[in-house]
N, C-alpha and C. Protein backbone atom coordinates (compact mmCIF):
# COMPACT_ATOMS: atom_id res chain seq x y z
N MET A 1 -4.67 -15.00 -20.51
CA MET A 1 -4.32 -14.41 -19.21
C MET A 1 -4.72 -12.94 -19.19
N GLY A 2 -5.45 -12.53 -18.16
CA GLY A 2 -5.91 -11.13 -18.08
C GLY A 2 -4.76 -10.20 -17.74
N GLU A 3 -5.05 -8.93 -17.89
CA GLU A 3 -4.02 -7.93 -17.59
C GLU A 3 -3.74 -7.93 -16.08
N ILE A 4 -2.48 -7.78 -15.72
CA ILE A 4 -2.12 -7.77 -14.30
C ILE A 4 -2.49 -6.42 -13.70
N LYS A 5 -3.22 -6.45 -12.59
CA LYS A 5 -3.57 -5.19 -11.92
C LYS A 5 -2.37 -4.79 -11.04
N ASP A 6 -1.76 -3.65 -11.37
CA ASP A 6 -0.58 -3.28 -10.59
C ASP A 6 -0.68 -1.85 -10.05
N THR A 7 -1.92 -1.42 -9.84
CA THR A 7 -2.11 -0.12 -9.19
C THR A 7 -3.12 -0.27 -8.06
N TYR A 8 -3.07 0.64 -7.12
CA TYR A 8 -4.07 0.68 -6.04
C TYR A 8 -4.28 2.13 -5.65
N CYS A 9 -5.40 2.41 -5.00
CA CYS A 9 -5.70 3.78 -4.58
C CYS A 9 -5.57 3.90 -3.06
N THR A 10 -5.01 5.00 -2.63
CA THR A 10 -4.90 5.29 -1.20
C THR A 10 -5.05 6.79 -1.02
N ILE A 11 -4.87 7.27 0.22
CA ILE A 11 -4.95 8.72 0.42
C ILE A 11 -3.53 9.27 0.55
N ALA A 12 -3.35 10.49 0.08
CA ALA A 12 -2.02 11.09 0.01
C ALA A 12 -1.53 11.53 1.38
N ASP A 13 -2.44 11.99 2.21
CA ASP A 13 -2.04 12.58 3.48
C ASP A 13 -3.17 12.48 4.49
N LYS A 14 -2.90 12.87 5.72
CA LYS A 14 -3.91 12.87 6.77
C LYS A 14 -5.05 13.82 6.39
N ALA A 15 -6.27 13.44 6.73
CA ALA A 15 -7.43 14.31 6.46
C ALA A 15 -8.41 14.17 7.62
N GLN A 16 -9.25 15.17 7.81
CA GLN A 16 -10.22 15.02 8.90
C GLN A 16 -11.62 15.46 8.50
N GLY A 17 -12.59 14.96 9.26
CA GLY A 17 -13.99 15.27 9.01
C GLY A 17 -14.73 15.37 10.33
N LEU A 18 -15.97 15.84 10.25
CA LEU A 18 -16.75 16.06 11.48
C LEU A 18 -18.23 15.80 11.22
N TYR A 19 -18.90 15.21 12.21
CA TYR A 19 -20.35 15.04 12.14
C TYR A 19 -20.91 15.27 13.54
N LYS A 20 -22.00 16.05 13.61
CA LYS A 20 -22.62 16.31 14.92
C LYS A 20 -24.06 15.83 14.90
N GLU A 21 -24.48 15.26 16.02
CA GLU A 21 -25.85 14.75 16.12
C GLU A 21 -26.29 14.79 17.58
N LYS A 22 -27.34 15.51 17.88
CA LYS A 22 -27.92 15.57 19.23
C LYS A 22 -26.87 15.80 20.31
N GLY A 23 -25.99 16.73 20.07
CA GLY A 23 -24.98 17.07 21.08
C GLY A 23 -23.72 16.21 21.03
N SER A 24 -23.81 15.04 20.37
CA SER A 24 -22.61 14.20 20.22
C SER A 24 -21.77 14.71 19.06
N LYS A 25 -20.47 14.64 19.27
CA LYS A 25 -19.54 15.11 18.24
C LYS A 25 -18.71 13.93 17.77
N PHE A 26 -18.68 13.70 16.46
CA PHE A 26 -17.91 12.60 15.87
C PHE A 26 -16.80 13.21 15.01
N MET A 27 -15.58 13.13 15.51
CA MET A 27 -14.44 13.71 14.79
C MET A 27 -13.69 12.58 14.10
N ALA A 28 -13.59 12.66 12.77
CA ALA A 28 -12.97 11.57 12.01
C ALA A 28 -11.60 11.97 11.49
N TYR A 29 -10.66 11.04 11.57
CA TYR A 29 -9.30 11.26 11.09
C TYR A 29 -8.91 10.12 10.16
N ALA A 30 -8.49 10.46 8.95
CA ALA A 30 -8.05 9.45 7.98
C ALA A 30 -6.53 9.56 7.82
N PHE A 31 -5.87 8.41 7.79
CA PHE A 31 -4.41 8.37 7.69
C PHE A 31 -3.98 7.37 6.61
N PRO A 32 -2.93 7.70 5.84
CA PRO A 32 -2.35 6.67 4.97
C PRO A 32 -1.45 5.77 5.81
N VAL A 33 -1.59 4.47 5.72
CA VAL A 33 -0.74 3.52 6.46
C VAL A 33 -0.34 2.40 5.49
N SER A 34 0.86 1.86 5.68
CA SER A 34 1.26 0.79 4.75
C SER A 34 1.50 -0.54 5.45
N ALA A 35 1.42 -0.54 6.79
CA ALA A 35 1.60 -1.79 7.54
C ALA A 35 0.79 -1.71 8.83
N GLU A 36 0.40 -2.88 9.34
CA GLU A 36 -0.44 -2.92 10.54
C GLU A 36 0.25 -2.30 11.76
N ASP A 37 1.58 -2.43 11.82
CA ASP A 37 2.25 -1.89 13.02
C ASP A 37 2.30 -0.35 13.05
N GLU A 38 1.81 0.29 11.98
CA GLU A 38 1.72 1.76 11.98
C GLU A 38 0.43 2.23 12.67
N VAL A 39 -0.52 1.32 12.81
CA VAL A 39 -1.84 1.69 13.33
C VAL A 39 -1.81 2.04 14.82
N LYS A 40 -1.16 1.18 15.61
CA LYS A 40 -1.17 1.35 17.07
C LYS A 40 -0.63 2.70 17.54
N PRO A 41 0.54 3.15 17.04
CA PRO A 41 1.04 4.46 17.49
C PRO A 41 0.07 5.61 17.18
N ILE A 42 -0.61 5.53 16.03
CA ILE A 42 -1.59 6.57 15.67
C ILE A 42 -2.74 6.57 16.68
N LEU A 43 -3.23 5.38 17.00
CA LEU A 43 -4.34 5.25 17.97
C LEU A 43 -3.91 5.79 19.34
N LEU A 44 -2.70 5.46 19.76
CA LEU A 44 -2.20 5.93 21.06
C LEU A 44 -2.12 7.45 21.10
N ASP A 45 -1.63 8.05 20.00
CA ASP A 45 -1.56 9.52 19.94
C ASP A 45 -2.93 10.15 20.05
N LEU A 46 -3.91 9.58 19.33
CA LEU A 46 -5.27 10.13 19.36
C LEU A 46 -5.90 9.96 20.75
N ARG A 47 -5.63 8.82 21.39
CA ARG A 47 -6.17 8.61 22.75
C ARG A 47 -5.55 9.61 23.73
N LYS A 48 -4.30 9.97 23.49
CA LYS A 48 -3.63 10.96 24.33
C LYS A 48 -4.23 12.34 24.10
N ASP A 49 -4.39 12.69 22.80
CA ASP A 49 -4.91 14.01 22.45
C ASP A 49 -6.37 14.19 22.87
N TYR A 50 -7.15 13.11 22.76
CA TYR A 50 -8.59 13.19 23.09
C TYR A 50 -8.90 12.19 24.21
N HIS A 51 -8.15 12.30 25.30
CA HIS A 51 -8.27 11.33 26.41
C HIS A 51 -9.64 11.38 27.08
N ASP A 52 -10.35 12.52 26.91
CA ASP A 52 -11.66 12.64 27.57
C ASP A 52 -12.82 12.23 26.65
N ALA A 53 -12.50 11.73 25.45
CA ALA A 53 -13.57 11.28 24.53
C ALA A 53 -14.10 9.92 24.99
N ARG A 54 -15.37 9.65 24.67
CA ARG A 54 -16.01 8.41 25.10
C ARG A 54 -15.53 7.19 24.30
N HIS A 55 -15.37 7.38 23.00
CA HIS A 55 -15.00 6.24 22.13
C HIS A 55 -13.98 6.66 21.07
N HIS A 56 -13.10 5.72 20.75
CA HIS A 56 -12.17 5.89 19.62
C HIS A 56 -12.37 4.66 18.73
N CYS A 57 -13.28 4.78 17.77
CA CYS A 57 -13.61 3.64 16.91
C CYS A 57 -12.84 3.76 15.60
N TYR A 58 -12.49 2.62 15.02
CA TYR A 58 -11.69 2.72 13.80
C TYR A 58 -11.88 1.52 12.89
N ALA A 59 -11.37 1.68 11.68
CA ALA A 59 -11.28 0.59 10.70
C ALA A 59 -10.09 0.89 9.82
N TYR A 60 -9.45 -0.18 9.35
CA TYR A 60 -8.39 0.03 8.36
C TYR A 60 -8.42 -1.09 7.33
N VAL A 61 -7.86 -0.77 6.17
CA VAL A 61 -7.66 -1.74 5.10
C VAL A 61 -6.22 -1.57 4.63
N ILE A 62 -5.46 -2.67 4.60
CA ILE A 62 -4.05 -2.61 4.22
C ILE A 62 -3.75 -3.74 3.22
N GLY A 63 -2.87 -3.46 2.28
CA GLY A 63 -2.48 -4.48 1.29
C GLY A 63 -3.07 -4.15 -0.07
N TYR A 64 -2.38 -4.56 -1.13
CA TYR A 64 -2.80 -4.18 -2.49
C TYR A 64 -4.18 -4.72 -2.83
N ASP A 65 -4.52 -5.88 -2.28
CA ASP A 65 -5.85 -6.44 -2.52
C ASP A 65 -6.76 -6.24 -1.32
N GLY A 66 -6.34 -5.38 -0.39
CA GLY A 66 -7.14 -5.14 0.81
C GLY A 66 -7.24 -6.38 1.68
N GLU A 67 -6.19 -7.24 1.61
CA GLU A 67 -6.28 -8.55 2.30
C GLU A 67 -6.20 -8.43 3.82
N SER A 68 -5.67 -7.31 4.32
CA SER A 68 -5.55 -7.16 5.76
C SER A 68 -6.47 -6.03 6.22
N TRP A 69 -7.43 -6.35 7.08
CA TRP A 69 -8.36 -5.31 7.53
C TRP A 69 -8.86 -5.60 8.94
N ARG A 70 -9.35 -4.56 9.58
CA ARG A 70 -9.86 -4.74 10.93
C ARG A 70 -10.88 -3.66 11.24
N VAL A 71 -11.87 -3.99 12.05
CA VAL A 71 -12.84 -2.99 12.52
C VAL A 71 -12.89 -3.06 14.04
N ASN A 72 -13.10 -1.91 14.68
CA ASN A 72 -13.15 -1.88 16.15
C ASN A 72 -14.22 -0.89 16.60
N ASP A 73 -15.16 -1.38 17.41
CA ASP A 73 -16.28 -0.55 17.88
C ASP A 73 -15.96 0.20 19.18
N ASP A 74 -14.86 -0.15 19.84
CA ASP A 74 -14.43 0.50 21.07
C ASP A 74 -15.57 0.81 22.05
N GLY A 75 -16.36 -0.22 22.34
CA GLY A 75 -17.40 -0.04 23.36
C GLY A 75 -18.77 0.39 22.85
N GLU A 76 -18.84 0.78 21.58
CA GLU A 76 -20.16 1.08 21.00
C GLU A 76 -20.86 -0.26 20.75
N PRO A 77 -22.21 -0.24 20.60
CA PRO A 77 -22.90 -1.51 20.30
C PRO A 77 -22.29 -2.18 19.06
N SER A 78 -22.21 -3.50 19.10
CA SER A 78 -21.54 -4.27 18.05
C SER A 78 -21.95 -3.86 16.64
N SER A 79 -20.95 -3.65 15.79
CA SER A 79 -21.12 -3.34 14.36
C SER A 79 -21.71 -1.96 14.06
N THR A 80 -21.82 -1.09 15.08
CA THR A 80 -22.42 0.22 14.80
C THR A 80 -21.37 1.27 14.44
N ALA A 81 -20.09 0.96 14.63
CA ALA A 81 -19.06 1.98 14.42
C ALA A 81 -17.99 1.53 13.42
N GLY A 82 -17.23 0.49 13.80
CA GLY A 82 -16.15 0.02 12.93
C GLY A 82 -16.63 -0.38 11.55
N LYS A 83 -17.79 -1.06 11.50
CA LYS A 83 -18.30 -1.57 10.22
C LYS A 83 -18.67 -0.44 9.24
N PRO A 84 -19.45 0.57 9.69
CA PRO A 84 -19.75 1.66 8.75
C PRO A 84 -18.51 2.47 8.34
N ILE A 85 -17.51 2.57 9.23
CA ILE A 85 -16.26 3.26 8.86
C ILE A 85 -15.56 2.44 7.76
N HIS A 86 -15.47 1.12 8.00
CA HIS A 86 -14.85 0.21 7.03
C HIS A 86 -15.57 0.29 5.68
N GLY A 87 -16.90 0.37 5.74
CA GLY A 87 -17.72 0.46 4.52
C GLY A 87 -17.36 1.66 3.66
N GLN A 88 -17.03 2.77 4.31
CA GLN A 88 -16.66 3.98 3.57
C GLN A 88 -15.31 3.83 2.87
N ILE A 89 -14.37 3.15 3.52
CA ILE A 89 -13.06 2.91 2.89
C ILE A 89 -13.25 2.02 1.66
N ILE A 90 -14.04 0.94 1.85
CA ILE A 90 -14.27 -0.03 0.77
C ILE A 90 -15.04 0.60 -0.40
N SER A 91 -16.05 1.41 -0.08
CA SER A 91 -16.89 1.97 -1.16
C SER A 91 -16.10 2.91 -2.06
N ARG A 92 -15.00 3.45 -1.52
CA ARG A 92 -14.14 4.32 -2.35
C ARG A 92 -13.00 3.54 -2.99
N ASN A 93 -13.00 2.22 -2.78
CA ASN A 93 -11.98 1.35 -3.37
C ASN A 93 -10.57 1.74 -2.90
N LEU A 94 -10.45 2.07 -1.62
CA LEU A 94 -9.16 2.48 -1.06
C LEU A 94 -8.51 1.34 -0.31
N THR A 95 -7.19 1.39 -0.21
CA THR A 95 -6.46 0.50 0.67
C THR A 95 -5.35 1.31 1.33
N ASN A 96 -4.58 0.67 2.21
CA ASN A 96 -3.53 1.36 2.98
C ASN A 96 -4.10 2.63 3.62
N THR A 97 -5.28 2.48 4.20
CA THR A 97 -6.00 3.62 4.79
C THR A 97 -6.57 3.24 6.15
N LEU A 98 -6.36 4.12 7.11
CA LEU A 98 -6.92 3.97 8.47
C LEU A 98 -7.84 5.15 8.72
N VAL A 99 -9.05 4.89 9.24
CA VAL A 99 -9.94 5.97 9.65
C VAL A 99 -10.33 5.75 11.11
N VAL A 100 -10.08 6.75 11.94
CA VAL A 100 -10.44 6.71 13.36
C VAL A 100 -11.51 7.78 13.60
N VAL A 101 -12.59 7.39 14.27
CA VAL A 101 -13.63 8.37 14.63
C VAL A 101 -13.67 8.49 16.16
N VAL A 102 -13.41 9.71 16.63
CA VAL A 102 -13.39 10.01 18.06
C VAL A 102 -14.75 10.59 18.42
N ARG A 103 -15.43 9.98 19.39
CA ARG A 103 -16.78 10.44 19.74
C ARG A 103 -16.82 11.08 21.13
N TYR A 104 -17.37 12.26 21.16
CA TYR A 104 -17.72 12.91 22.43
C TYR A 104 -19.22 12.76 22.60
N PHE A 105 -19.63 12.11 23.68
CA PHE A 105 -21.05 11.83 23.92
C PHE A 105 -21.78 13.10 24.36
N GLY A 106 -22.93 13.33 23.76
CA GLY A 106 -23.66 14.57 24.04
C GLY A 106 -24.80 14.40 25.03
N GLY A 107 -24.94 13.19 25.62
CA GLY A 107 -25.98 13.01 26.63
C GLY A 107 -27.23 12.33 26.10
N THR A 108 -27.44 12.36 24.79
CA THR A 108 -28.63 11.71 24.21
C THR A 108 -28.21 10.50 23.41
N LYS A 109 -28.80 9.35 23.72
CA LYS A 109 -28.47 8.14 22.97
C LYS A 109 -29.04 8.25 21.56
N LEU A 110 -28.27 7.75 20.59
CA LEU A 110 -28.69 7.89 19.19
C LEU A 110 -29.38 6.64 18.65
N GLY A 111 -29.26 5.53 19.37
CA GLY A 111 -29.84 4.28 18.85
C GLY A 111 -28.95 3.69 17.78
N VAL A 112 -29.22 2.44 17.42
CA VAL A 112 -28.36 1.74 16.46
C VAL A 112 -28.31 2.45 15.11
N SER A 113 -29.46 2.80 14.55
CA SER A 113 -29.43 3.43 13.21
C SER A 113 -28.79 4.81 13.26
N GLY A 114 -28.99 5.52 14.38
CA GLY A 114 -28.36 6.83 14.54
C GLY A 114 -26.84 6.73 14.59
N LEU A 115 -26.35 5.70 15.32
CA LEU A 115 -24.90 5.49 15.41
C LEU A 115 -24.31 5.09 14.06
N LEU A 116 -24.98 4.15 13.41
CA LEU A 116 -24.52 3.71 12.08
C LEU A 116 -24.36 4.90 11.15
N ASN A 117 -25.38 5.74 11.14
CA ASN A 117 -25.38 6.91 10.27
C ASN A 117 -24.27 7.90 10.66
N ALA A 118 -24.10 8.12 11.96
CA ALA A 118 -23.12 9.10 12.45
C ALA A 118 -21.69 8.68 12.10
N TYR A 119 -21.37 7.41 12.36
CA TYR A 119 -20.00 6.94 12.07
C TYR A 119 -19.74 6.91 10.57
N LYS A 120 -20.77 6.55 9.81
CA LYS A 120 -20.63 6.54 8.35
C LYS A 120 -20.41 7.96 7.84
N ALA A 121 -21.21 8.91 8.34
CA ALA A 121 -21.12 10.29 7.87
C ALA A 121 -19.79 10.93 8.24
N ALA A 122 -19.31 10.66 9.46
CA ALA A 122 -18.02 11.24 9.90
C ALA A 122 -16.88 10.69 9.05
N ALA A 123 -16.87 9.37 8.85
CA ALA A 123 -15.81 8.74 8.04
C ALA A 123 -15.86 9.26 6.60
N SER A 124 -17.07 9.39 6.08
CA SER A 124 -17.26 9.88 4.72
C SER A 124 -16.73 11.30 4.58
N ASP A 125 -16.98 12.14 5.59
CA ASP A 125 -16.53 13.53 5.56
C ASP A 125 -14.99 13.60 5.52
N ALA A 126 -14.34 12.76 6.32
CA ALA A 126 -12.86 12.75 6.34
C ALA A 126 -12.30 12.27 4.99
N LEU A 127 -12.90 11.21 4.44
CA LEU A 127 -12.40 10.67 3.17
C LEU A 127 -12.70 11.60 2.00
N ASP A 128 -13.82 12.34 2.09
CA ASP A 128 -14.12 13.34 1.05
C ASP A 128 -13.07 14.45 1.06
N ALA A 129 -12.52 14.73 2.24
CA ALA A 129 -11.52 15.80 2.37
C ALA A 129 -10.13 15.33 1.97
N ALA A 130 -9.96 14.01 1.88
CA ALA A 130 -8.63 13.45 1.57
C ALA A 130 -8.35 13.51 0.07
N GLN A 131 -7.08 13.64 -0.26
CA GLN A 131 -6.67 13.57 -1.66
C GLN A 131 -6.38 12.10 -1.98
N ILE A 132 -7.11 11.58 -2.95
CA ILE A 132 -6.95 10.16 -3.31
C ILE A 132 -5.90 10.05 -4.42
N VAL A 133 -4.94 9.16 -4.24
CA VAL A 133 -3.86 9.00 -5.22
C VAL A 133 -3.78 7.54 -5.67
N GLU A 134 -3.36 7.38 -6.92
CA GLU A 134 -3.16 6.02 -7.45
C GLU A 134 -1.67 5.71 -7.40
N ARG A 135 -1.34 4.58 -6.82
CA ARG A 135 0.07 4.18 -6.72
C ARG A 135 0.27 2.88 -7.49
N THR A 136 1.51 2.65 -7.91
CA THR A 136 1.79 1.39 -8.61
C THR A 136 2.39 0.39 -7.61
N ILE A 137 2.12 -0.87 -7.86
CA ILE A 137 2.74 -1.94 -7.06
C ILE A 137 4.06 -2.27 -7.75
N ASN A 138 5.15 -2.16 -7.01
CA ASN A 138 6.47 -2.39 -7.59
C ASN A 138 7.17 -3.59 -6.96
N GLU A 139 7.86 -4.32 -7.81
CA GLU A 139 8.73 -5.40 -7.35
C GLU A 139 10.14 -4.80 -7.27
N ILE A 140 10.79 -4.95 -6.14
CA ILE A 140 12.14 -4.40 -5.97
C ILE A 140 13.16 -5.52 -6.24
N TYR A 141 14.06 -5.26 -7.18
CA TYR A 141 15.09 -6.23 -7.53
C TYR A 141 16.48 -5.62 -7.39
N LYS A 142 17.41 -6.44 -6.94
CA LYS A 142 18.81 -6.04 -6.97
C LYS A 142 19.45 -6.77 -8.14
N VAL A 143 19.97 -5.99 -9.10
CA VAL A 143 20.61 -6.58 -10.27
C VAL A 143 22.12 -6.48 -10.10
N SER A 144 22.80 -7.60 -10.08
CA SER A 144 24.26 -7.62 -9.98
C SER A 144 24.83 -7.92 -11.36
N PHE A 145 25.92 -7.25 -11.72
CA PHE A 145 26.48 -7.45 -13.06
C PHE A 145 27.95 -7.06 -13.07
N ALA A 146 28.67 -7.55 -14.08
CA ALA A 146 30.08 -7.20 -14.25
C ALA A 146 30.17 -5.83 -14.92
N TYR A 147 31.22 -5.11 -14.65
CA TYR A 147 31.35 -3.73 -15.15
C TYR A 147 31.11 -3.57 -16.66
N PRO A 148 31.61 -4.49 -17.51
CA PRO A 148 31.37 -4.32 -18.96
C PRO A 148 29.89 -4.30 -19.35
N ALA A 149 29.01 -4.80 -18.48
CA ALA A 149 27.57 -4.83 -18.81
C ALA A 149 26.85 -3.53 -18.41
N THR A 150 27.60 -2.57 -17.86
CA THR A 150 26.99 -1.34 -17.34
C THR A 150 26.08 -0.64 -18.36
N ASN A 151 26.56 -0.49 -19.59
CA ASN A 151 25.76 0.22 -20.61
C ASN A 151 24.43 -0.49 -20.89
N ASP A 152 24.49 -1.83 -20.96
CA ASP A 152 23.27 -2.61 -21.20
C ASP A 152 22.27 -2.42 -20.07
N ILE A 153 22.78 -2.42 -18.83
CA ILE A 153 21.91 -2.25 -17.65
C ILE A 153 21.30 -0.84 -17.65
N MET A 154 22.12 0.18 -17.96
CA MET A 154 21.61 1.56 -17.97
C MET A 154 20.54 1.74 -19.06
N ARG A 155 20.76 1.08 -20.20
CA ARG A 155 19.78 1.17 -21.29
C ARG A 155 18.46 0.53 -20.85
N LEU A 156 18.57 -0.63 -20.19
CA LEU A 156 17.38 -1.34 -19.70
C LEU A 156 16.61 -0.45 -18.72
N ILE A 157 17.33 0.18 -17.78
CA ILE A 157 16.69 1.05 -16.78
C ILE A 157 15.95 2.20 -17.46
N LYS A 158 16.60 2.80 -18.47
CA LYS A 158 16.01 3.95 -19.18
C LYS A 158 14.80 3.52 -20.00
N GLU A 159 14.96 2.47 -20.80
CA GLU A 159 13.89 2.05 -21.71
C GLU A 159 12.66 1.54 -20.98
N GLU A 160 12.88 0.87 -19.85
CA GLU A 160 11.73 0.33 -19.10
C GLU A 160 11.26 1.29 -18.00
N ASP A 161 11.87 2.46 -17.96
CA ASP A 161 11.47 3.51 -17.01
C ASP A 161 11.47 2.97 -15.57
N LEU A 162 12.57 2.32 -15.19
CA LEU A 162 12.66 1.71 -13.86
C LEU A 162 13.07 2.77 -12.83
N GLN A 163 12.61 2.55 -11.62
CA GLN A 163 12.92 3.47 -10.52
C GLN A 163 14.21 2.97 -9.86
N VAL A 164 15.25 3.80 -9.89
CA VAL A 164 16.54 3.38 -9.31
C VAL A 164 16.60 3.79 -7.85
N MET A 165 16.79 2.82 -6.96
CA MET A 165 16.88 3.11 -5.52
C MET A 165 18.32 3.29 -5.06
N SER A 166 19.22 2.47 -5.63
CA SER A 166 20.64 2.63 -5.30
C SER A 166 21.44 1.94 -6.38
N GLN A 167 22.68 2.38 -6.55
CA GLN A 167 23.55 1.71 -7.52
C GLN A 167 24.99 1.86 -7.09
N GLU A 168 25.80 0.88 -7.47
CA GLU A 168 27.23 1.02 -7.19
C GLU A 168 28.03 0.40 -8.32
N PHE A 169 29.10 1.10 -8.69
CA PHE A 169 29.95 0.64 -9.78
C PHE A 169 31.37 0.48 -9.25
N ASN A 170 31.70 -0.72 -8.82
CA ASN A 170 33.05 -1.01 -8.35
C ASN A 170 33.56 -2.20 -9.14
N VAL A 171 34.32 -3.05 -8.49
CA VAL A 171 34.78 -4.27 -9.16
C VAL A 171 33.54 -5.08 -9.54
N SER A 172 32.62 -5.21 -8.57
CA SER A 172 31.33 -5.81 -8.92
C SER A 172 30.31 -4.68 -8.85
N CYS A 173 29.36 -4.68 -9.77
CA CYS A 173 28.40 -3.58 -9.86
C CYS A 173 27.01 -4.09 -9.51
N SER A 174 26.18 -3.18 -9.04
CA SER A 174 24.78 -3.56 -8.77
C SER A 174 23.89 -2.33 -8.85
N ALA A 175 22.62 -2.58 -9.12
CA ALA A 175 21.61 -1.52 -9.11
C ALA A 175 20.35 -2.10 -8.49
N THR A 176 19.78 -1.39 -7.53
CA THR A 176 18.51 -1.82 -6.94
C THR A 176 17.42 -0.98 -7.59
N VAL A 177 16.46 -1.67 -8.22
CA VAL A 177 15.45 -0.96 -9.01
C VAL A 177 14.03 -1.41 -8.66
N GLY A 178 13.08 -0.51 -8.88
CA GLY A 178 11.66 -0.84 -8.71
C GLY A 178 11.06 -1.09 -10.09
N VAL A 179 10.37 -2.21 -10.23
CA VAL A 179 9.77 -2.59 -11.51
C VAL A 179 8.27 -2.72 -11.32
N ARG A 180 7.49 -2.07 -12.18
CA ARG A 180 6.03 -2.24 -12.07
C ARG A 180 5.67 -3.71 -12.23
N LEU A 181 4.75 -4.14 -11.40
CA LEU A 181 4.37 -5.56 -11.36
C LEU A 181 4.07 -6.12 -12.75
N SER A 182 3.36 -5.36 -13.57
CA SER A 182 2.97 -5.85 -14.90
C SER A 182 4.16 -5.98 -15.85
N LYS A 183 5.31 -5.35 -15.49
CA LYS A 183 6.49 -5.40 -16.38
C LYS A 183 7.54 -6.40 -15.90
N THR A 184 7.25 -7.09 -14.79
CA THR A 184 8.26 -7.95 -14.17
C THR A 184 8.80 -9.02 -15.12
N ASP A 185 7.92 -9.73 -15.82
CA ASP A 185 8.37 -10.81 -16.70
C ASP A 185 9.29 -10.28 -17.80
N LEU A 186 8.88 -9.16 -18.39
CA LEU A 186 9.67 -8.53 -19.45
C LEU A 186 11.05 -8.12 -18.92
N PHE A 187 11.05 -7.53 -17.73
CA PHE A 187 12.30 -7.08 -17.09
C PHE A 187 13.25 -8.27 -16.87
N LEU A 188 12.73 -9.35 -16.28
CA LEU A 188 13.57 -10.52 -15.98
C LEU A 188 14.11 -11.16 -17.26
N ASP A 189 13.27 -11.15 -18.28
CA ASP A 189 13.66 -11.69 -19.57
C ASP A 189 14.85 -10.90 -20.15
N ARG A 190 14.77 -9.58 -20.02
CA ARG A 190 15.83 -8.73 -20.56
C ARG A 190 17.13 -8.86 -19.73
N VAL A 191 16.99 -8.97 -18.42
CA VAL A 191 18.18 -9.15 -17.56
C VAL A 191 18.88 -10.45 -17.95
N ASP A 192 18.06 -11.47 -18.20
CA ASP A 192 18.57 -12.79 -18.57
C ASP A 192 19.46 -12.75 -19.81
N LYS A 193 19.14 -11.82 -20.70
CA LYS A 193 19.87 -11.74 -21.98
C LYS A 193 21.18 -10.94 -21.85
N ILE A 194 21.39 -10.31 -20.70
CA ILE A 194 22.61 -9.53 -20.51
C ILE A 194 23.66 -10.41 -19.83
N ASP A 195 24.81 -10.53 -20.48
CA ASP A 195 25.90 -11.35 -19.92
C ASP A 195 26.25 -10.91 -18.51
N SER A 196 26.39 -11.84 -17.61
CA SER A 196 26.83 -11.62 -16.22
C SER A 196 25.78 -11.00 -15.31
N ALA A 197 24.62 -10.60 -15.84
CA ALA A 197 23.61 -9.93 -15.00
C ALA A 197 22.71 -10.96 -14.31
N VAL A 198 22.50 -10.74 -13.01
CA VAL A 198 21.62 -11.61 -12.21
C VAL A 198 20.67 -10.74 -11.40
N ALA A 199 19.38 -11.04 -11.44
CA ALA A 199 18.38 -10.26 -10.68
C ALA A 199 17.92 -11.04 -9.46
N GLU A 200 17.94 -10.38 -8.33
CA GLU A 200 17.51 -11.01 -7.06
C GLU A 200 16.32 -10.23 -6.52
N HIS A 201 15.21 -10.94 -6.27
CA HIS A 201 14.01 -10.25 -5.76
C HIS A 201 14.21 -9.87 -4.29
N ILE A 202 13.96 -8.61 -3.96
CA ILE A 202 14.13 -8.14 -2.57
C ILE A 202 12.78 -8.10 -1.85
N LYS A 203 11.82 -7.40 -2.43
CA LYS A 203 10.50 -7.27 -1.78
C LYS A 203 9.49 -6.68 -2.76
N THR A 204 8.24 -6.68 -2.35
CA THR A 204 7.16 -6.04 -3.12
C THR A 204 6.70 -4.84 -2.33
N GLU A 205 6.51 -3.71 -2.99
CA GLU A 205 5.99 -2.56 -2.25
C GLU A 205 5.11 -1.70 -3.13
């Protein structure tokens, strides 16, 4: 069995880029996004801010394996805008990333190859300006246990370097922790060996 891939690359924060060609201005904006429903509000804001622009073309890739993606040419000739933007995200091996290119038309048509190049260059400029970060894929578990097992649970959290999201120590105790994907089996195995401890999977993030 190969090693489990439990990291992905994304951008740390919003970044922007610019490309000009024959009077047309291509303003590119890159955003970190973690779900598809984050995309629409960003697009609406940009359409409001640049309501007089001719096109708002975009592409995004979401999910640890880039399984969710979309390209949009917003009225440009088919595949001349969204596809080259998408290509720039993919070529940098990024995910959870949205790039929108806002175009102001300069009066001179650029042709298919000119458009392809312009959208690619604008997207590239924005992504070059972005800080790329590596994140881990974590499985979130809620571990419930009886009070006498507290020390064992705390030792497990410390030794496996788990991320604690919340914990409570009352009559019944629990801790919600983030476990790196590659350590999940080891973590569950150790929880299993602690009397009264039960791990419940909450989500992957």
